Amino acid sequence: MSTTRTTYSVKLKAALDELRPAFREVGQGLDQLARKRAEIAPVFLKTYQAWQRETGRPFIAFVHELDPAVPVNDRNAYRTHRSYRAAQYLRQLAENPEKTAPTGRTPLAMLAITIKSFLPLYGPSQKDQHAALEALIGATHWRERDRRRLLAKIRRAKAIGLPNVPRLVESAKVTKAAVLAFEKKHVA
């Protein structure tokens, strides 16, 4: 059982008391924001569609109409402007409200798991696995930064049990050692 500390220093108590109202306000603000964006997004899209039918002008012109501070002629500038990004978000939310964040593993994570799972097939020795890993990484023709990311993913990945693949503890240790040795050789 854990205990909760209820006595704090005067300085900490004052800091907590100062932060508490702002923190609660942020929490309530997030709830309001979620409700507001769900209400505003369909109205935003409907207004944009009516505006576009009437004027025939592009989306950035509509956003500029709502917020004149958004630059119109500089594509890089308006794409990074907060109002333009908010407008894109509202448009996307209204057009596809059911869209959720992607689930599952990323392609890079699955590639790392696959490589780590198949490395024991290349041979029981660290030298054999190192040579196989070098050939696989070299075949990607990726930038050095991306190769380091893949190697880090391989190092952290857990090999999945594949049929007819050696499942010996020694094989896993050799694979880990091969990945680390390859990483040291090519990243350093």
Protein backbone atom coordinates (compact mmCIF):
# COMPACT_ATOMS: atom_id res chain seq x y z
CA MET A 1 0.00 0.00 0.00
CA SER A 2 1.33 3.42 -0.88
CA THR A 3 0.98 6.48 1.25
CA THR A 4 0.12 9.94 0.05
CA ARG A 5 2.18 12.81 1.31
CA THR A 6 0.00 15.60 2.69
CA THR A 7 2.57 17.96 4.18
CA TYR A 8 4.62 20.08 1.81
CA SER A 9 7.10 22.89 2.20
CA VAL A 10 5.70 26.40 2.13
CA LYS A 11 7.34 27.07 -1.24
CA LEU A 12 5.91 23.90 -2.82
CA LYS A 13 2.46 24.50 -1.32
CA ALA A 14 2.42 28.03 -2.75
CA ALA A 15 3.51 26.74 -6.17
CA LEU A 16 0.79 24.06 -6.12
CA ASP A 17 -1.86 26.57 -5.05
CA GLU A 18 -0.79 28.92 -7.83
CA LEU A 19 -0.81 26.20 -10.49
CA ARG A 20 -4.05 24.43 -9.46
CA PRO A 21 -6.60 26.92 -10.91
CA ALA A 22 -4.75 27.24 -14.22
CA PHE A 23 -4.43 23.46 -14.47
CA ARG A 24 -8.15 22.95 -13.83
CA GLU A 25 -8.94 25.62 -16.39
CA VAL A 26 -6.84 23.80 -19.00
CA GLY A 27 -8.66 20.54 -18.27
CA GLN A 28 -12.04 22.21 -18.62
CA GLY A 29 -10.81 24.06 -21.70
CA LEU A 30 -9.89 20.79 -23.39
CA ASP A 31 -13.42 19.48 -22.84
CA GLN A 32 -14.87 22.69 -24.26
CA LEU A 33 -12.46 22.60 -27.18
CA ALA A 34 -13.51 19.05 -28.10
CA ARG A 35 -17.16 20.07 -28.03
CA LYS A 36 -16.52 23.31 -29.91
CA ARG A 37 -14.54 21.74 -32.73
CA ALA A 38 -17.23 19.09 -33.22
CA GLU A 39 -19.83 21.86 -33.46
CA ILE A 40 -17.77 24.29 -35.55
CA ALA A 41 -16.38 21.85 -38.13
CA PRO A 42 -19.67 21.16 -40.01
CA VAL A 43 -20.59 24.86 -39.97
CA PHE A 44 -17.09 25.73 -41.20
CA LEU A 45 -17.34 23.28 -44.10
CA LYS A 46 -20.86 24.36 -45.07
CA THR A 47 -19.81 28.02 -45.08
CA TYR A 48 -16.69 27.24 -47.09
CA GLN A 49 -18.69 25.29 -49.69
CA ALA A 50 -21.20 28.15 -50.04
CA TRP A 51 -18.36 30.68 -50.28
CA GLN A 52 -16.59 28.60 -52.92
CA ARG A 53 -19.77 28.17 -54.99
CA GLU A 54 -20.34 31.90 -54.91
CA THR A 55 -16.78 33.11 -55.45
CA GLY A 56 -14.97 30.20 -57.11
CA ARG A 57 -11.82 31.11 -55.16
CA PRO A 58 -9.42 28.63 -53.47
CA PHE A 59 -9.38 27.51 -49.85
CA ILE A 60 -6.56 29.85 -48.83
CA ALA A 61 -8.63 32.84 -49.96
CA PHE A 62 -11.47 31.65 -47.71
CA VAL A 63 -9.10 31.32 -44.76
CA HIS A 64 -7.71 34.78 -45.53
CA GLU A 65 -11.27 36.12 -45.53
CA LEU A 66 -11.72 34.73 -42.01
CA ASP A 67 -8.30 35.88 -40.79
CA PRO A 68 -6.67 38.67 -42.84
CA ALA A 69 -3.35 38.02 -41.09
CA VAL A 70 -2.90 34.82 -43.13
CA PRO A 71 -0.51 35.51 -46.04
CA VAL A 72 -2.02 34.60 -49.41
CA ASN A 73 0.82 34.81 -51.90
CA ASP A 74 3.54 32.90 -50.03
CA ARG A 75 2.67 29.20 -49.94
CA ASN A 76 5.29 28.28 -47.32
CA ALA A 77 4.19 31.12 -45.07
CA TYR A 78 0.48 30.36 -45.15
CA ARG A 79 0.99 26.63 -44.72
CA THR A 80 2.74 27.25 -41.41
CA HIS A 81 0.27 29.88 -40.20
CA ARG A 82 -1.84 28.78 -37.23
CA SER A 83 -5.14 29.91 -38.71
CA TYR A 84 -4.54 28.03 -41.95
CA ARG A 85 -3.59 24.86 -40.08
CA ALA A 86 -6.69 25.20 -37.89
CA ALA A 87 -8.83 25.65 -41.00
CA GLN A 88 -7.33 22.53 -42.57
CA TYR A 89 -8.01 20.62 -39.37
CA LEU A 90 -11.65 21.76 -39.24
CA ARG A 91 -12.11 20.89 -42.91
CA GLN A 92 -10.65 17.42 -42.40
CA LEU A 93 -12.72 16.90 -39.26
CA ALA A 94 -15.92 17.86 -41.08
CA GLU A 95 -15.18 15.80 -44.19
CA ASN A 96 -14.16 12.66 -42.31
CA PRO A 97 -15.32 12.75 -38.67
CA GLU A 98 -14.83 9.00 -38.20
CA LYS A 99 -11.15 9.09 -39.11
CA THR A 100 -9.00 7.92 -36.25
CA ALA A 101 -5.31 7.74 -35.72
CA PRO A 102 -3.62 4.79 -37.38
CA THR A 103 -3.45 1.70 -35.23
CA GLY A 104 -0.96 -1.11 -35.21
CA ARG A 105 2.72 -1.06 -35.93
CA THR A 106 4.38 1.25 -38.39
CA PRO A 107 5.98 -0.20 -41.51
CA LEU A 108 9.43 0.56 -40.07
CA ALA A 109 8.63 -1.30 -36.85
CA MET A 110 7.34 -4.31 -38.81
CA LEU A 111 10.47 -4.29 -40.99
CA ALA A 112 12.60 -4.33 -37.84
CA ILE A 113 10.60 -7.22 -36.35
CA THR A 114 10.84 -9.15 -39.61
CA ILE A 115 14.59 -8.68 -39.92
CA LYS A 116 15.17 -9.63 -36.29
CA SER A 117 12.94 -12.70 -36.67
CA PHE A 118 14.74 -13.95 -39.77
CA LEU A 119 18.33 -13.21 -38.71
CA PRO A 120 18.75 -16.62 -37.00
CA LEU A 121 18.15 -18.28 -40.39
CA TYR A 122 21.37 -16.78 -41.74
CA GLY A 123 23.48 -18.85 -39.42
CA PRO A 124 24.19 -19.54 -35.81
CA SER A 125 27.27 -17.34 -35.59
CA GLN A 126 27.43 -13.63 -35.00
CA LYS A 127 29.62 -13.26 -38.09
CA ASP A 128 26.98 -14.82 -40.36
CA GLN A 129 24.20 -12.65 -38.96
CA HIS A 130 26.39 -9.55 -39.14
CA ALA A 131 27.06 -10.21 -42.84
CA ALA A 132 23.33 -10.73 -43.50
CA LEU A 133 22.44 -7.54 -41.64
CA GLU A 134 25.07 -5.61 -43.57
CA ALA A 135 23.64 -6.86 -46.88
CA LEU A 136 20.06 -6.02 -45.86
CA ILE A 137 20.87 -2.54 -44.59
CA GLY A 138 23.07 -1.85 -47.61
CA ALA A 139 20.28 -2.85 -49.99
CA THR A 140 18.01 -0.12 -48.64
CA HIS A 141 20.14 2.72 -50.07
CA TRP A 142 18.71 4.89 -47.27
CA ARG A 143 20.29 7.92 -45.69
CA GLU A 144 22.53 7.26 -42.71
CA ARG A 145 19.96 8.78 -40.34
CA ASP A 146 17.26 6.37 -41.55
CA ARG A 147 19.63 3.42 -41.28
CA ARG A 148 20.34 4.35 -37.65
CA ARG A 149 16.60 4.53 -36.97
CA LEU A 150 16.11 1.07 -38.48
CA LEU A 151 19.00 -0.37 -36.47
CA ALA A 152 17.60 1.12 -33.27
CA LYS A 153 14.21 -0.40 -34.07
CA ILE A 154 15.81 -3.78 -34.78
CA ARG A 155 17.69 -3.63 -31.48
CA ARG A 156 14.48 -2.91 -29.53
CA ALA A 157 12.23 -5.25 -31.53
CA LYS A 158 11.12 -8.58 -30.18
CA ALA A 159 11.49 -11.41 -32.65
CA ILE A 160 8.28 -13.28 -33.33
CA GLY A 161 8.19 -17.05 -33.25
CA LEU A 162 8.24 -18.24 -36.84
CA PRO A 163 7.80 -21.87 -37.85
CA ASN A 164 11.05 -23.66 -38.66
CA VAL A 165 13.20 -20.86 -37.23
CA PRO A 166 15.61 -21.79 -34.44
CA ARG A 167 14.20 -20.65 -31.11
CA LEU A 168 17.28 -21.21 -29.03
CA VAL A 169 18.28 -18.72 -26.39
CA GLU A 170 21.78 -18.71 -27.82
CA SER A 171 20.38 -17.72 -31.21
CA ALA A 172 18.64 -14.69 -29.68
CA LYS A 173 21.85 -13.67 -27.89
CA VAL A 174 23.85 -14.01 -31.10
CA THR A 175 21.27 -11.93 -32.98
CA LYS A 176 21.38 -9.19 -30.37
CA ALA A 177 25.18 -9.21 -30.41
CA ALA A 178 25.22 -9.08 -34.23
CA VAL A 179 22.89 -6.07 -34.31
CA LEU A 180 24.92 -4.25 -31.65
CA ALA A 181 28.21 -5.01 -33.40
CA PHE A 182 26.84 -3.83 -36.72
CA GLU A 183 25.51 -0.67 -35.13
CA LYS A 184 28.84 0.11 -33.46
CA LYS A 185 30.76 -0.47 -36.66
CA HIS A 186 28.56 1.62 -38.95
CA VAL A 187 27.25 4.35 -36.66
CA ALA A 188 30.52 5.24 -34.98
